[in-house]
Amino acid sequence: QVPLVASGGGLVQAGGPLRLSCAASGIIFSRYTMAWYRQSSGKQRDLVAQITGGGSTNYADSVKGRFTVSRDNAENTVYLEMISLKPEDTALYYCRATWAARNYWGQGTQVTVSS
């Protein structure tokens, strides 16, 4: 059973906003560091942003100032708010949950930014 379900992807024009969500189930969500990764065609999967259980965040340089990761531990959900989107942000976005030796990936949600 995959405990992470990502949603919110879609087609957006350059400069526009989009919000991704990743809902977790079957895990003690507050313990986990949650992260968003992305993978575009022919490239490796790269870290976009992550947030610890305590709320500390870090971001890839390419998204700093445009993307914001947040979490709602009561709703077992992590969010990725994206603004000023660029065509190079086009990718399949995955959420990931890690804690101790546990490691879960969501199924991915496609973000396409048109120029």
Protein backbone atom coordinates (compact mmCIF):
# COMPACT_ATOMS: atom_id res chain seq x y z
CA GLN A 1 0.00 0.00 0.00
CA VAL A 2 1.37 3.37 -1.08
CA PRO A 3 0.74 5.81 1.75
CA LEU A 4 1.31 8.99 -0.31
CA VAL A 5 -1.07 10.45 -2.91
CA ALA A 6 0.04 13.55 -4.81
CA SER A 7 -2.37 15.85 -6.60
CA GLY A 8 -2.71 19.36 -7.99
CA GLY A 9 -0.62 19.15 -11.12
CA GLY A 10 -1.79 20.52 -14.43
CA LEU A 11 -1.11 22.85 -17.32
CA VAL A 12 -0.34 26.47 -16.46
CA GLN A 13 1.00 29.45 -18.36
CA ALA A 14 4.42 30.83 -17.58
CA GLY A 15 4.25 33.24 -14.68
CA GLY A 16 1.24 31.52 -13.19
CA PRO A 17 0.75 29.74 -9.86
CA LEU A 18 -0.03 26.16 -8.92
CA ARG A 19 -0.35 24.31 -5.65
CA LEU A 20 0.50 20.67 -5.19
CA SER A 21 -0.74 18.52 -2.33
CA CYS A 22 0.44 15.20 -1.02
CA ALA A 23 -1.79 13.33 1.39
CA ALA A 24 -0.32 10.64 3.61
CA SER A 25 -2.03 7.71 5.24
CA GLY A 26 -0.92 4.81 7.38
CA ILE A 27 2.10 6.61 8.82
CA ILE A 28 2.76 8.81 11.84
CA PHE A 29 3.00 11.85 9.61
CA SER A 30 4.51 14.31 12.09
CA ARG A 31 7.64 12.16 12.46
CA TYR A 32 8.47 12.24 8.80
CA THR A 33 10.54 14.64 6.78
CA MET A 34 8.46 15.39 3.70
CA ALA A 35 9.98 16.38 0.40
CA TRP A 36 9.08 17.25 -3.15
CA TYR A 37 11.21 16.03 -6.04
CA ARG A 38 10.82 16.51 -9.75
CA GLN A 39 11.94 14.65 -12.81
CA SER A 40 11.76 15.92 -16.35
CA SER A 41 12.18 13.81 -19.43
CA GLY A 42 15.63 12.27 -19.73
CA LYS A 43 16.88 13.78 -16.49
CA GLN A 44 17.46 12.54 -12.99
CA ARG A 45 15.02 13.08 -10.15
CA ASP A 46 16.07 16.14 -8.17
CA LEU A 47 15.10 17.53 -4.79
CA VAL A 48 12.92 20.63 -5.03
CA ALA A 49 12.03 21.33 -1.40
CA GLN A 50 11.77 19.58 1.90
CA ILE A 51 10.29 20.20 5.34
CA THR A 52 11.12 18.39 8.55
CA GLY A 53 8.64 17.34 11.18
CA GLY A 54 9.65 20.43 13.13
CA GLY A 55 9.05 22.73 10.17
CA SER A 56 12.58 23.43 8.98
CA THR A 57 12.75 23.88 5.24
CA ASN A 58 15.27 23.92 2.47
CA TYR A 59 14.98 24.51 -1.25
CA ALA A 60 16.81 23.94 -4.49
CA ASP A 61 18.48 27.14 -5.64
CA SER A 62 16.38 27.15 -8.81
CA VAL A 63 13.12 27.53 -6.90
CA LYS A 64 14.10 29.74 -3.97
CA GLY A 65 11.78 32.71 -3.71
CA ARG A 66 9.17 31.10 -5.98
CA PHE A 67 8.21 27.86 -4.24
CA THR A 68 7.06 27.35 -0.66
CA VAL A 69 6.75 24.01 1.07
CA SER A 70 4.44 23.66 4.06
CA ARG A 71 2.71 20.94 6.00
CA ASP A 72 -0.45 20.41 8.01
CA ASN A 73 0.22 17.65 10.51
CA ALA A 74 -3.44 17.55 11.54
CA GLU A 75 -4.42 16.79 7.93
CA ASN A 76 -1.39 14.57 7.17
CA THR A 77 -0.70 16.69 4.11
CA VAL A 78 2.29 18.48 2.65
CA TYR A 79 1.92 21.29 0.13
CA LEU A 80 4.07 22.91 -2.50
CA GLU A 81 2.98 26.41 -3.44
CA MET A 82 4.53 27.48 -6.73
CA ILE A 83 4.45 30.96 -8.21
CA SER A 84 6.15 32.63 -11.16
CA LEU A 85 6.33 29.28 -12.88
CA LYS A 86 8.74 28.87 -15.77
CA PRO A 87 8.75 26.41 -18.67
CA GLU A 88 11.81 24.78 -17.11
CA ASP A 89 9.67 23.86 -14.09
CA THR A 90 7.84 21.38 -16.30
CA ALA A 91 8.30 17.94 -14.77
CA LEU A 92 6.67 15.07 -12.97
CA TYR A 93 6.58 16.06 -9.30
CA TYR A 94 6.87 13.42 -6.59
CA CYS A 95 6.44 13.63 -2.86
CA ARG A 96 8.58 11.58 -0.51
CA ALA A 97 8.36 10.72 3.16
CA THR A 98 11.40 9.63 5.15
CA TRP A 99 11.91 8.70 8.80
CA ALA A 100 14.56 6.39 10.20
CA ALA A 101 14.82 3.50 7.70
CA ARG A 102 11.39 4.17 6.23
CA ASN A 103 11.15 5.72 2.79
CA TYR A 104 7.97 6.20 0.77
CA TRP A 105 7.32 7.80 -2.61
CA GLY A 106 4.07 9.07 -4.02
CA GLN A 107 2.95 8.34 -7.57
CA GLY A 108 3.83 11.72 -9.08
CA THR A 109 1.76 14.54 -10.50
CA GLN A 110 2.56 16.24 -13.82
CA VAL A 111 3.23 19.97 -13.98
CA THR A 112 3.45 21.51 -17.44
CA VAL A 113 4.29 25.19 -17.87
CA SER A 114 3.62 26.68 -21.29
CA SER A 115 5.56 29.65 -22.61
